[in-house]
Amino acid sequence: MTAARGFKGNKQSLPRKVCAVCGREMAWRKAWAKNWDDVKVCSDACRRRKGKGHAAATEAGGG
């Protein structure tokens, strides 16, 4: 019955990576289990921003 409530283990021990676009740290997710080695970005927003280069991220922040 506890398995139905979700992950109850130590989340600090999950593998982590840094997003190639924004630099945030992201933790392993069950949805990424089959392709964890191929995961490079943390979100759909970063995936869209990926092709625009680093200038787009600084432009949005500083105007």
C-alpha atoms as a PDB file:
ATOM      1  CA  MET A   1       0.000   0.000   0.000  1.00  0.00           C
ATOM      2  CA  THR A   2       2.902   2.403   0.605  1.00  0.00           C
ATOM      3  CA  ALA A   3       4.164   1.891  -2.956  1.00  0.00           C
ATOM      4  CA  ALA A   4       0.954   3.436  -4.317  1.00  0.00           C
ATOM      5  CA  ARG A   5       1.684   6.687  -2.468  1.00  0.00           C
ATOM      6  CA  GLY A   6       4.918   7.316  -4.348  1.00  0.00           C
ATOM      7  CA  PHE A   7       8.646   7.268  -3.722  1.00  0.00           C
ATOM      8  CA  LYS A   8       9.509   7.025  -0.037  1.00  0.00           C
ATOM      9  CA  GLY A   9      13.268   6.562  -0.287  1.00  0.00           C
ATOM     10  CA  ASN A  10      16.125   9.002   0.088  1.00  0.00           C
ATOM     11  CA  LYS A  11      15.734  11.514  -2.743  1.00  0.00           C
ATOM     12  CA  GLN A  12      19.180  12.950  -2.050  1.00  0.00           C
ATOM     13  CA  SER A  13      20.730   9.761  -3.405  1.00  0.00           C
ATOM     14  CA  LEU A  14      19.078  10.067  -6.839  1.00  0.00           C
ATOM     15  CA  PRO A  15      21.420  10.846  -9.757  1.00  0.00           C
ATOM     16  CA  ARG A  16      21.639  14.518 -10.734  1.00  0.00           C
ATOM     17  CA  LYS A  17      22.665  16.504 -13.803  1.00  0.00           C
ATOM     18  CA  VAL A  18      23.002  20.158 -14.741  1.00  0.00           C
ATOM     19  CA  CYS A  19      20.722  21.568 -17.453  1.00  0.00           C
ATOM     20  CA  ALA A  20      22.719  22.476 -20.576  1.00  0.00           C
ATOM     21  CA  VAL A  21      20.622  25.631 -21.133  1.00  0.00           C
ATOM     22  CA  CYS A  22      19.829  27.254 -17.791  1.00  0.00           C
ATOM     23  CA  GLY A  23      22.415  25.575 -15.559  1.00  0.00           C
ATOM     24  CA  ARG A  24      19.925  24.397 -12.938  1.00  0.00           C
ATOM     25  CA  GLU A  25      20.464  21.075 -11.251  1.00  0.00           C
ATOM     26  CA  MET A  26      17.891  18.423 -12.114  1.00  0.00           C
ATOM     27  CA  ALA A  27      17.287  15.123 -10.342  1.00  0.00           C
ATOM     28  CA  TRP A  28      16.484  11.781 -11.964  1.00  0.00           C
ATOM     29  CA  ARG A  29      12.809  11.161 -12.710  1.00  0.00           C
ATOM     30  CA  LYS A  30      11.076   7.884 -13.383  1.00  0.00           C
ATOM     31  CA  ALA A  31       9.897   9.247 -16.759  1.00  0.00           C
ATOM     32  CA  TRP A  32      13.570   9.640 -17.763  1.00  0.00           C
ATOM     33  CA  ALA A  33      14.551   6.113 -16.665  1.00  0.00           C
ATOM     34  CA  LYS A  34      14.943   4.702 -20.188  1.00  0.00           C
ATOM     35  CA  ASN A  35      16.889   7.641 -21.609  1.00  0.00           C
ATOM     36  CA  TRP A  36      18.659   9.292 -18.648  1.00  0.00           C
ATOM     37  CA  ASP A  37      21.956   9.408 -20.576  1.00  0.00           C
ATOM     38  CA  ASP A  38      20.261  11.431 -23.348  1.00  0.00           C
ATOM     39  CA  VAL A  39      18.546  13.969 -21.065  1.00  0.00           C
ATOM     40  CA  LYS A  40      20.251  17.361 -21.512  1.00  0.00           C
ATOM     41  CA  VAL A  41      17.603  19.945 -20.563  1.00  0.00           C
ATOM     42  CA  CYS A  42      15.366  20.283 -17.519  1.00  0.00           C
ATOM     43  CA  SER A  43      12.114  21.432 -19.118  1.00  0.00           C
ATOM     44  CA  ASP A  44      10.155  22.112 -22.290  1.00  0.00           C
ATOM     45  CA  ALA A  45      11.006  25.808 -21.955  1.00  0.00           C
ATOM     46  CA  CYS A  46      14.728  25.031 -21.993  1.00  0.00           C
ATOM     47  CA  ARG A  47      14.246  22.663 -24.915  1.00  0.00           C
ATOM     48  CA  ARG A  48      12.639  25.501 -26.924  1.00  0.00           C
ATOM     49  CA  ARG A  49      15.351  27.966 -25.879  1.00  0.00           C
ATOM     50  CA  LYS A  50      18.149  25.515 -26.687  1.00  0.00           C
ATOM     51  CA  GLY A  51      18.332  26.353 -30.401  1.00  0.00           C
ATOM     52  CA  LYS A  52      18.316  30.138 -29.848  1.00  0.00           C
ATOM     53  CA  GLY A  53      21.711  30.264 -28.159  1.00  0.00           C
ATOM     54  CA  HIS A  54      22.897  31.851 -24.942  1.00  0.00           C
ATOM     55  CA  ALA A  55      22.144  35.431 -26.068  1.00  0.00           C
ATOM     56  CA  ALA A  56      18.385  34.817 -25.877  1.00  0.00           C
ATOM     57  CA  ALA A  57      18.608  33.968 -22.172  1.00  0.00           C
ATOM     58  CA  THR A  58      20.567  37.128 -21.312  1.00  0.00           C
ATOM     59  CA  GLU A  59      18.357  39.308 -23.520  1.00  0.00           C
ATOM     60  CA  ALA A  60      15.199  38.189 -21.716  1.00  0.00           C
ATOM     61  CA  GLY A  61      16.731  38.939 -18.324  1.00  0.00           C
ATOM     62  CA  GLY A  62      18.344  42.313 -18.958  1.00  0.00           C
ATOM     63  CA  GLY A  63      16.319  43.884 -21.758  1.00  0.00           C
END
